[in-house]
Amino acid sequence: FQGLVRNAILKRGLFRLGIEAGRTTVRVAVEGSSVGFGVVLDESGWIVTSDRIVQGDGPVTVTPYGSEVAIEAKIVGREGQLDVALLKIDPADIELVAAIG
């Protein structure tokens, strides 16, 4: 699995991979630090993003593109060598993400 993820990210890029899979993309922000994007993996609230985006000390939020509503996210796992991080949002918030994205 790790090899497949690494190859897909390196060859296509995370954003393109998410679009090709028909997944919803969100803006990922760390307060006072960095901004990037993530891909919503499923209706359980799992989001994959780049590790370098979530390296700051502030709280992490995700915002569906086309929305102004920021949703708090928790960093569940990080793999710096592959530049991948796994975030989780409350499944109740996934309806908002799906409706907009």
Protein backbone atom coordinates (compact mmCIF):
# COMPACT_ATOMS: atom_id res chain seq x y z
CA PHE A 1 0.00 0.00 0.00
CA GLN A 2 2.73 2.45 0.95
CA GLY A 3 4.49 1.89 -2.38
CA LEU A 4 1.28 2.47 -4.32
CA VAL A 5 0.57 5.70 -2.47
CA ARG A 6 4.13 6.95 -2.96
CA ASN A 7 4.12 6.16 -6.68
CA ALA A 8 0.72 7.75 -7.25
CA ILE A 9 1.72 10.91 -5.41
CA LEU A 10 5.08 11.20 -7.11
CA LYS A 11 3.79 10.50 -10.61
CA ARG A 12 0.48 12.33 -10.57
CA GLY A 13 0.47 14.55 -7.53
CA LEU A 14 -2.01 14.33 -4.69
CA PHE A 15 -4.44 16.87 -6.12
CA ARG A 16 -4.66 15.23 -9.53
CA LEU A 17 -5.01 11.83 -7.89
CA GLY A 18 -8.00 13.07 -5.91
CA ILE A 19 -9.66 14.65 -8.93
CA GLU A 20 -9.18 11.51 -11.01
CA ALA A 21 -10.77 9.46 -8.25
CA GLY A 22 -13.77 11.81 -8.21
CA ARG A 23 -13.07 12.86 -4.63
CA THR A 24 -13.98 16.17 -3.04
CA THR A 25 -11.05 18.49 -2.42
CA VAL A 26 -10.78 20.87 0.52
CA ARG A 27 -8.51 23.74 1.53
CA VAL A 28 -6.31 22.76 4.50
CA ALA A 29 -4.97 25.51 6.74
CA VAL A 30 -2.85 25.65 9.87
CA GLU A 31 -3.49 28.88 11.74
CA GLY A 32 -0.57 31.27 11.38
CA SER A 33 1.42 28.86 9.24
CA SER A 34 0.57 27.14 5.97
CA VAL A 35 -2.23 26.56 3.48
CA GLY A 36 -2.69 23.74 0.99
CA PHE A 37 -5.32 21.25 -0.06
CA GLY A 38 -6.56 17.81 0.85
CA VAL A 39 -8.68 15.05 -0.61
CA VAL A 40 -11.73 13.68 1.23
CA LEU A 41 -11.37 9.90 1.23
CA ASP A 42 -14.81 8.83 2.43
CA GLU A 43 -17.97 9.73 4.33
CA SER A 44 -16.32 8.87 7.65
CA GLY A 45 -14.40 12.14 7.55
CA TRP A 46 -10.92 10.92 6.54
CA ILE A 47 -8.84 13.44 4.57
CA VAL A 48 -5.38 12.97 3.08
CA THR A 49 -3.05 15.93 2.59
CA SER A 50 0.67 16.72 2.41
CA ASP A 51 2.65 16.41 5.63
CA ARG A 52 4.46 19.69 4.98
CA ILE A 53 1.12 21.54 5.14
CA VAL A 54 0.32 20.43 8.70
CA GLN A 55 3.73 21.03 10.28
CA GLY A 56 2.70 24.21 12.10
CA ASP A 57 1.69 24.46 15.75
CA GLY A 58 -1.74 26.02 15.23
CA PRO A 59 -5.10 24.33 14.88
CA VAL A 60 -5.86 22.63 11.55
CA THR A 61 -9.01 23.49 9.62
CA VAL A 62 -10.44 22.31 6.31
CA THR A 63 -12.72 24.38 4.10
CA PRO A 64 -14.61 22.92 1.14
CA TYR A 65 -13.83 24.80 -2.05
CA GLY A 66 -16.63 27.25 -2.77
CA SER A 67 -17.40 27.66 0.93
CA GLU A 68 -16.39 30.03 3.71
CA VAL A 69 -17.08 27.47 6.46
CA ALA A 70 -13.91 26.20 8.18
CA ILE A 71 -14.20 22.78 9.84
CA GLU A 72 -11.82 21.74 12.61
CA ALA A 73 -9.67 18.72 11.71
CA LYS A 74 -7.48 16.47 13.82
CA ILE A 75 -4.11 15.16 12.63
CA VAL A 76 -4.34 11.38 12.96
CA GLY A 77 -1.11 10.33 11.27
CA ARG A 78 1.89 11.72 9.43
CA GLU A 79 4.55 10.21 7.17
CA GLY A 80 7.21 12.82 6.49
CA GLN A 81 9.27 10.71 4.10
CA LEU A 82 6.26 10.26 1.80
CA ASP A 83 4.93 13.77 2.56
CA VAL A 84 1.50 12.40 3.50
CA ALA A 85 -0.71 13.27 6.46
CA LEU A 86 -4.07 11.83 7.47
CA LEU A 87 -6.69 14.14 8.94
CA LYS A 88 -10.08 13.40 10.48
CA ILE A 89 -13.15 15.59 10.69
CA ASP A 90 -16.38 14.85 12.51
CA PRO A 91 -18.57 12.65 10.28
CA ALA A 92 -21.46 15.04 10.95
CA ASP A 93 -19.48 17.72 9.07
CA ILE A 94 -18.93 15.49 6.03
CA GLU A 95 -22.47 16.26 4.83
CA LEU A 96 -21.50 19.92 4.54
CA VAL A 97 -18.36 19.00 2.60
CA ALA A 98 -20.26 16.67 0.25
CA ALA A 99 -23.04 19.19 -0.37
CA ILE A 100 -20.59 21.89 -1.41
CA GLY A 101 -17.95 19.76 -3.11
